[in-house]
């Protein structure tokens, strides 16, 4: 049960970071883009 909660939280964090990536400064946004989190 704990692992399931941890998995759900990790997915939520990834989605939130991906959604906020364009709003972050150029540094973090570029890093996320290099990691492939952003399609655009």
N, C-alpha and C. Protein backbone atom coordinates (compact mmCIF):
# COMPACT_ATOMS: atom_id res chain seq x y z
N UNK A 1 0.85 -1.20 0.00
CA UNK A 1 0.00 0.00 0.00
C UNK A 1 0.88 1.25 0.00
N UNK A 2 1.95 1.16 0.81
CA UNK A 2 2.85 2.32 0.87
C UNK A 2 3.52 2.56 -0.48
N UNK A 3 3.92 1.46 -1.14
CA UNK A 3 4.56 1.61 -2.44
C UNK A 3 3.60 2.21 -3.46
N UNK A 4 2.33 1.83 -3.37
CA UNK A 4 1.35 2.38 -4.30
C UNK A 4 1.21 3.89 -4.11
N UNK A 5 1.14 4.32 -2.85
CA UNK A 5 1.05 5.75 -2.56
C UNK A 5 2.29 6.48 -3.06
N UNK A 6 3.46 5.85 -2.87
CA UNK A 6 4.71 6.48 -3.30
C UNK A 6 4.73 6.63 -4.83
N UNK A 7 4.23 5.60 -5.52
CA UNK A 7 4.19 5.65 -6.98
C UNK A 7 3.25 6.76 -7.45
N UNK A 8 2.07 6.85 -6.83
CA UNK A 8 1.10 7.88 -7.22
C UNK A 8 1.68 9.27 -6.97
N UNK A 9 2.35 9.46 -5.84
CA UNK A 9 2.94 10.76 -5.53
C UNK A 9 4.03 11.11 -6.54
N UNK A 10 4.84 10.14 -6.91
CA UNK A 10 5.92 10.41 -7.86
C UNK A 10 5.34 10.81 -9.22
N UNK A 11 4.28 10.12 -9.66
CA UNK A 11 3.64 10.46 -10.93
C UNK A 11 3.06 11.87 -10.87
N UNK A 12 2.43 12.21 -9.75
CA UNK A 12 1.85 13.54 -9.59
C UNK A 12 2.93 14.60 -9.65
N UNK A 13 4.07 14.35 -9.00
CA UNK A 13 5.18 15.32 -9.02
C UNK A 13 5.69 15.52 -10.44
N UNK A 14 5.84 14.42 -11.18
CA UNK A 14 6.32 14.53 -12.56
C UNK A 14 5.36 15.35 -13.41
N UNK A 15 4.06 15.10 -13.25
CA UNK A 15 3.06 15.84 -14.03
C UNK A 15 3.08 17.32 -13.68
N UNK A 16 3.18 17.62 -12.37
CA UNK A 16 3.20 19.02 -11.94
C UNK A 16 4.44 19.74 -12.47
N UNK A 17 5.60 19.07 -12.36
CA UNK A 17 6.84 19.69 -12.85
C UNK A 17 6.76 19.91 -14.36
N UNK A 18 6.21 18.95 -15.08
CA UNK A 18 6.08 19.09 -16.53
C UNK A 18 5.16 20.26 -16.88
N UNK A 19 4.08 20.42 -16.11
CA UNK A 19 3.12 21.49 -16.39
C UNK A 19 3.72 22.85 -16.07
N UNK A 20 4.57 22.92 -15.04
CA UNK A 20 5.13 24.20 -14.62
C UNK A 20 6.45 24.52 -15.33
N UNK A 21 7.00 23.58 -16.09
CA UNK A 21 8.29 23.78 -16.73
C UNK A 21 8.35 25.07 -17.57
N UNK A 22 7.34 25.37 -18.39
CA UNK A 22 7.42 26.59 -19.21
C UNK A 22 7.40 27.86 -18.37
N UNK A 23 6.93 27.79 -17.12
CA UNK A 23 6.84 28.97 -16.27
C UNK A 23 8.12 29.22 -15.48
N UNK A 24 8.99 28.19 -15.44
CA UNK A 24 10.23 28.33 -14.69
C UNK A 24 11.24 29.16 -15.48
N UNK A 25 12.30 29.62 -14.79
CA UNK A 25 13.37 30.34 -15.50
C UNK A 25 14.01 29.46 -16.57
N UNK A 26 14.85 30.06 -17.39
CA UNK A 26 15.41 29.34 -18.53
C UNK A 26 16.23 28.13 -18.10
N UNK A 27 16.93 28.24 -16.98
CA UNK A 27 17.80 27.15 -16.52
C UNK A 27 17.04 25.85 -16.30
N UNK A 28 16.11 25.81 -15.32
CA UNK A 28 15.36 24.58 -15.05
C UNK A 28 14.56 24.11 -16.26
N UNK A 29 13.97 25.03 -17.00
CA UNK A 29 13.16 24.64 -18.15
C UNK A 29 14.04 23.96 -19.20
N UNK A 30 15.25 24.51 -19.41
CA UNK A 30 16.15 23.91 -20.40
C UNK A 30 16.61 22.54 -19.93
N UNK A 31 16.86 22.42 -18.62
CA UNK A 31 17.29 21.13 -18.07
C UNK A 31 16.19 20.09 -18.26
N UNK A 32 14.94 20.46 -17.96
CA UNK A 32 13.82 19.53 -18.13
C UNK A 32 13.66 19.16 -19.59
N UNK A 33 13.88 20.13 -20.48
CA UNK A 33 13.77 19.85 -21.91
C UNK A 33 14.82 18.85 -22.34
N UNK A 34 16.04 18.99 -21.78
CA UNK A 34 17.12 18.06 -22.12
C UNK A 34 16.81 16.67 -21.61
N UNK A 35 16.10 16.58 -20.48
CA UNK A 35 15.77 15.28 -19.93
C UNK A 35 14.62 14.63 -20.70
N UNK A 36 13.93 15.41 -21.54
CA UNK A 36 12.87 14.86 -22.36
C UNK A 36 11.50 14.93 -21.71
N UNK A 37 11.38 15.74 -20.64
CA UNK A 37 10.06 15.84 -19.99
C UNK A 37 9.10 16.67 -20.84
N UNK A 38 9.68 17.61 -21.63
CA UNK A 38 8.81 18.49 -22.42
C UNK A 38 8.85 18.10 -23.89
N UNK A 39 7.71 18.13 -24.54
CA UNK A 39 7.64 17.78 -25.95
C UNK A 39 7.93 18.99 -26.83
N UNK A 40 7.60 20.18 -26.32
CA UNK A 40 7.76 21.40 -27.13
C UNK A 40 9.13 22.03 -26.86
